[in-house]
Structure formats: structure tokens, C-alpha cells
Amino acid sequence: MAQRSVLGKFPQVDHHQALGNLGDVYEDIHNTLRLPWVAFGIRVLSQFPHFIPDAWAALKPQISTRYAEYGADPRPP
């Protein structure tokens, strides 16, 4: 029996597919988190076009703090 990827079961909006406001939000996520990707959960929830911009607007102030930045820094062993 052939194994299918779990990712194939969840429709999602990848960065190159995100247009307009969603594309702007994806770009802001990249710049704010300094990551080259948008998390899988966000890409899947982007199927609901009005959800991600509102959710990101609520989350960004919480994640854009020195405390969050410090928590994301690698720690020596």
C-alpha cells in the first residue's frame, strides 16, 4: 500500500500563492519572525481568507516583544 503525505490531505495557501492582503500578511510574518517560511498551521488556516489577517494582527504585538525575542534565542548547553 502506497503511503500518502499528510500534507496532501490539507489544502493550504503557500507563499507564492498568497495574493493581496494575505500576501502582505505572509510577508509581514517572514519579516517579523525572520523565518524563510510560513508555518503549516497558518498556511492551512489561510483557506479562511479573513481569519489569518485578524489572527496575525492579534498575535504580532505579543510575539514582537523583547521577551519573545529572548525566548527564541538559542541557549548554550
C-alpha atoms as a PDB file:
ATOM      1  CA  MET A   1       0.000   0.000   0.000  1.00  0.00           C
ATOM      2  CA  ALA A   2       1.432   3.387  -1.032  1.00  0.00           C
ATOM      3  CA  GLN A   3       1.909   5.981   1.673  1.00  0.00           C
ATOM      4  CA  ARG A   4       0.413   9.406   1.006  1.00  0.00           C
ATOM      5  CA  SER A   5       1.775  12.547   2.535  1.00  0.00           C
ATOM      6  CA  VAL A   6      -0.265  14.050   5.346  1.00  0.00           C
ATOM      7  CA  LEU A   7       0.318  17.439   3.725  1.00  0.00           C
ATOM      8  CA  GLY A   8      -1.727  16.334   0.708  1.00  0.00           C
ATOM      9  CA  LYS A   9      -4.778  15.934   2.937  1.00  0.00           C
ATOM     10  CA  PHE A  10      -4.838  19.583   3.993  1.00  0.00           C
ATOM     11  CA  PRO A  11      -5.410  22.277   1.382  1.00  0.00           C
ATOM     12  CA  GLN A  12      -3.173  25.243   2.054  1.00  0.00           C
ATOM     13  CA  VAL A  13      -2.055  28.567   0.616  1.00  0.00           C
ATOM     14  CA  ASP A  14       1.697  28.637   0.023  1.00  0.00           C
ATOM     15  CA  HIS A  15       3.616  31.912  -0.027  1.00  0.00           C
ATOM     16  CA  HIS A  16       3.816  32.053  -3.815  1.00  0.00           C
ATOM     17  CA  GLN A  17       0.006  31.630  -3.952  1.00  0.00           C
ATOM     18  CA  ALA A  18      -0.823  34.285  -1.358  1.00  0.00           C
ATOM     19  CA  LEU A  19      -2.120  37.421  -3.025  1.00  0.00           C
ATOM     20  CA  GLY A  20      -3.329  40.805  -1.820  1.00  0.00           C
ATOM     21  CA  ASN A  21      -3.832  41.201   1.913  1.00  0.00           C
ATOM     22  CA  LEU A  22      -2.872  37.574   2.618  1.00  0.00           C
ATOM     23  CA  GLY A  23       0.380  38.033   0.686  1.00  0.00           C
ATOM     24  CA  ASP A  24       1.120  41.153   2.742  1.00  0.00           C
ATOM     25  CA  VAL A  25       0.460  39.227   5.961  1.00  0.00           C
ATOM     26  CA  TYR A  26       2.727  36.368   4.852  1.00  0.00           C
ATOM     27  CA  GLU A  27       5.479  38.902   4.083  1.00  0.00           C
ATOM     28  CA  ASP A  28       4.993  40.532   7.493  1.00  0.00           C
ATOM     29  CA  ILE A  29       5.224  37.114   9.159  1.00  0.00           C
ATOM     30  CA  HIS A  30       8.506  36.466   7.316  1.00  0.00           C
ATOM     31  CA  ASN A  31       9.923  39.825   8.368  1.00  0.00           C
ATOM     32  CA  THR A  32       8.698  39.732  11.951  1.00  0.00           C
ATOM     33  CA  LEU A  33       9.747  36.167  12.734  1.00  0.00           C
ATOM     34  CA  ARG A  34      12.802  36.264  10.435  1.00  0.00           C
ATOM     35  CA  LEU A  35      11.892  32.864   9.009  1.00  0.00           C
ATOM     36  CA  PRO A  36      12.018  31.768   5.356  1.00  0.00           C
ATOM     37  CA  TRP A  37       8.616  30.043   5.612  1.00  0.00           C
ATOM     38  CA  VAL A  38       5.113  30.492   6.955  1.00  0.00           C
ATOM     39  CA  ALA A  39       4.089  27.796   9.411  1.00  0.00           C
ATOM     40  CA  PHE A  40       1.957  24.908   8.155  1.00  0.00           C
ATOM     41  CA  GLY A  41      -0.910  25.756  10.510  1.00  0.00           C
ATOM     42  CA  ILE A  42      -1.104  29.294   9.161  1.00  0.00           C
ATOM     43  CA  ARG A  43      -0.990  28.068   5.555  1.00  0.00           C
ATOM     44  CA  VAL A  44      -3.860  25.652   6.225  1.00  0.00           C
ATOM     45  CA  LEU A  45      -5.971  28.219   8.087  1.00  0.00           C
ATOM     46  CA  SER A  46      -5.435  30.602   5.162  1.00  0.00           C
ATOM     47  CA  GLN A  47      -8.243  28.689   3.455  1.00  0.00           C
ATOM     48  CA  PHE A  48     -10.411  31.045   5.520  1.00  0.00           C
ATOM     49  CA  PRO A  49      -9.253  34.335   3.966  1.00  0.00           C
ATOM     50  CA  HIS A  50     -10.409  36.694   6.721  1.00  0.00           C
ATOM     51  CA  PHE A  51      -9.021  34.665   9.608  1.00  0.00           C
ATOM     52  CA  ILE A  52      -5.238  34.972   9.165  1.00  0.00           C
ATOM     53  CA  PRO A  53      -5.021  38.796   8.851  1.00  0.00           C
ATOM     54  CA  ASP A  54      -7.106  39.231  12.019  1.00  0.00           C
ATOM     55  CA  ALA A  55      -5.279  36.462  13.884  1.00  0.00           C
ATOM     56  CA  TRP A  56      -1.869  37.870  12.906  1.00  0.00           C
ATOM     57  CA  ALA A  57      -2.942  41.391  13.941  1.00  0.00           C
ATOM     58  CA  ALA A  58      -3.783  39.997  17.391  1.00  0.00           C
ATOM     59  CA  LEU A  59      -0.661  37.824  17.690  1.00  0.00           C
ATOM     60  CA  LYS A  60       2.015  40.152  16.286  1.00  0.00           C
ATOM     61  CA  PRO A  61       2.123  42.561  19.275  1.00  0.00           C
ATOM     62  CA  GLN A  62       2.584  39.585  21.608  1.00  0.00           C
ATOM     63  CA  ILE A  63       5.320  37.983  19.539  1.00  0.00           C
ATOM     64  CA  SER A  64       7.136  41.241  18.759  1.00  0.00           C
ATOM     65  CA  THR A  65       8.439  41.756  22.292  1.00  0.00           C
ATOM     66  CA  ARG A  66      11.901  41.522  23.809  1.00  0.00           C
ATOM     67  CA  TYR A  67      10.626  38.673  25.970  1.00  0.00           C
ATOM     68  CA  ALA A  68       9.584  36.635  22.905  1.00  0.00           C
ATOM     69  CA  GLU A  69      12.830  37.528  21.134  1.00  0.00           C
ATOM     70  CA  TYR A  70      14.859  36.422  24.148  1.00  0.00           C
ATOM     71  CA  GLY A  71      12.885  33.170  24.353  1.00  0.00           C
ATOM     72  CA  ALA A  72      13.651  32.410  20.714  1.00  0.00           C
ATOM     73  CA  ASP A  73      17.418  32.886  21.106  1.00  0.00           C
ATOM     74  CA  PRO A  74      19.469  29.686  21.254  1.00  0.00           C
ATOM     75  CA  ARG A  75      20.798  28.791  24.692  1.00  0.00           C
ATOM     76  CA  PRO A  76      24.173  27.259  25.316  1.00  0.00           C
ATOM     77  CA  PRO A  77      24.021  23.635  26.514  1.00  0.00           C
END
